[in-house]
C-alpha atoms as a PDB file:
ATOM      1  CA  MET A   1      11.286 -11.923   2.198  1.00  0.00           C
ATOM      2  CA  LYS A   2      12.917  -8.496   2.483  1.00  0.00           C
ATOM      3  CA  ALA A   3      10.706  -5.388   2.362  1.00  0.00           C
ATOM      4  CA  ASP A   4      12.331  -4.280  -0.910  1.00  0.00           C
ATOM      5  CA  GLU A   5      11.398  -7.629  -2.463  1.00  0.00           C
ATOM      6  CA  GLU A   6       7.678  -7.454  -1.571  1.00  0.00           C
ATOM      7  CA  LYS A   7       5.438  -7.558  -4.608  1.00  0.00           C
ATOM      8  CA  THR A   8       1.905  -6.508  -5.281  1.00  0.00           C
ATOM      9  CA  ASP A   9      -0.462  -9.091  -6.675  1.00  0.00           C
ATOM     10  CA  GLU A  10      -0.325  -9.776 -10.372  1.00  0.00           C
ATOM     11  CA  GLY A  11      -3.494  -9.350 -12.339  1.00  0.00           C
ATOM     12  CA  PRO A  12      -4.963  -9.008 -15.820  1.00  0.00           C
ATOM     13  CA  ALA A  13      -3.711  -5.417 -16.012  1.00  0.00           C
ATOM     14  CA  GLY A  14      -0.082  -6.424 -15.614  1.00  0.00           C
ATOM     15  CA  PRO A  15       2.690  -8.037 -13.593  1.00  0.00           C
ATOM     16  CA  ALA A  16       3.438  -7.520  -9.917  1.00  0.00           C
ATOM     17  CA  TRP A  17       5.670  -4.589  -8.962  1.00  0.00           C
ATOM     18  CA  LEU A  18       8.494  -4.736  -6.455  1.00  0.00           C
ATOM     19  CA  ASN A  19       8.076  -2.454  -3.441  1.00  0.00           C
ATOM     20  CA  ASP A  20      10.947  -0.228  -4.660  1.00  0.00           C
ATOM     21  CA  ARG A  21       9.137   0.431  -7.948  1.00  0.00           C
ATOM     22  CA  ILE A  22       5.898   1.339  -6.133  1.00  0.00           C
ATOM     23  CA  VAL A  23       7.759   3.714  -3.796  1.00  0.00           C
ATOM     24  CA  GLU A  24       9.454   5.439  -6.726  1.00  0.00           C
ATOM     25  CA  ALA A  25       6.352   5.642  -8.946  1.00  0.00           C
ATOM     26  CA  LEU A  26       4.106   7.037  -6.202  1.00  0.00           C
ATOM     27  CA  GLU A  27       6.823   9.142  -4.535  1.00  0.00           C
ATOM     28  CA  LEU A  28       6.309   7.469  -1.149  1.00  0.00           C
ATOM     29  CA  SER A  29       8.633   6.382   1.592  1.00  0.00           C
ATOM     30  CA  SER A  30       8.945   2.631   2.022  1.00  0.00           C
ATOM     31  CA  GLY A  31       7.133   3.004   5.368  1.00  0.00           C
ATOM     32  CA  GLY A  32       4.319   4.888   3.634  1.00  0.00           C
ATOM     33  CA  ALA A  33       3.849   2.099   1.115  1.00  0.00           C
ATOM     34  CA  GLN A  34       3.822  -0.490   3.906  1.00  0.00           C
ATOM     35  CA  GLY A  35       1.243   1.537   5.858  1.00  0.00           C
ATOM     36  CA  ILE A  36      -1.055   1.719   2.839  1.00  0.00           C
ATOM     37  CA  ARG A  37      -0.668  -2.017   2.272  1.00  0.00           C
ATOM     38  CA  ARG A  38      -1.467  -2.688   5.951  1.00  0.00           C
ATOM     39  CA  ARG A  39      -4.579  -0.435   5.901  1.00  0.00           C
ATOM     40  CA  PHE A  40      -5.787  -2.023   2.665  1.00  0.00           C
ATOM     41  CA  SER A  41      -5.512  -5.524   4.085  1.00  0.00           C
ATOM     42  CA  GLY A  42      -7.447  -4.510   7.204  1.00  0.00           C
ATOM     43  CA  ARG A  43      -9.994  -2.052   5.796  1.00  0.00           C
ATOM     44  CA  GLY A  44     -10.265  -2.671   2.056  1.00  0.00           C
ATOM     45  CA  VAL A  45     -10.176  -0.023  -0.692  1.00  0.00           C
ATOM     46  CA  GLU A  46     -12.769   2.341   0.771  1.00  0.00           C
ATOM     47  CA  GLY A  47     -11.305   2.178   4.256  1.00  0.00           C
ATOM     48  CA  THR A  48      -7.858   2.925   2.874  1.00  0.00           C
ATOM     49  CA  VAL A  49      -8.960   5.909   0.804  1.00  0.00           C
ATOM     50  CA  GLU A  50     -11.430   7.379   3.299  1.00  0.00           C
ATOM     51  CA  ARG A  51      -9.804   9.186   6.175  1.00  0.00           C
ATOM     52  CA  LYS A  52     -10.704   7.789   9.593  1.00  0.00           C
ATOM     53  CA  MET A  53     -12.023  10.487  11.914  1.00  0.00           C
ATOM     54  CA  PRO A  54     -10.552  10.441  15.439  1.00  0.00           C
ATOM     55  CA  ASP A  55     -12.823   9.529  18.350  1.00  0.00           C
ATOM     56  CA  ARG A  56     -12.932  12.922  20.057  1.00  0.00           C
ATOM     57  CA  GLU A  57     -15.608  14.739  21.979  1.00  0.00           C
END
């Protein structure tokens, strides 16, 4: 599947959106949308929204 054909999950609130529609609606780059999707799948909602602090001394 091409990146522009990726869809979000459908749910009770409505149908799935194509990646292009998400990028346009949220004014993101396609890479930005993919990064958010990747963080969400690895960290969940809270981990995606909360900013990770760097491990510095």
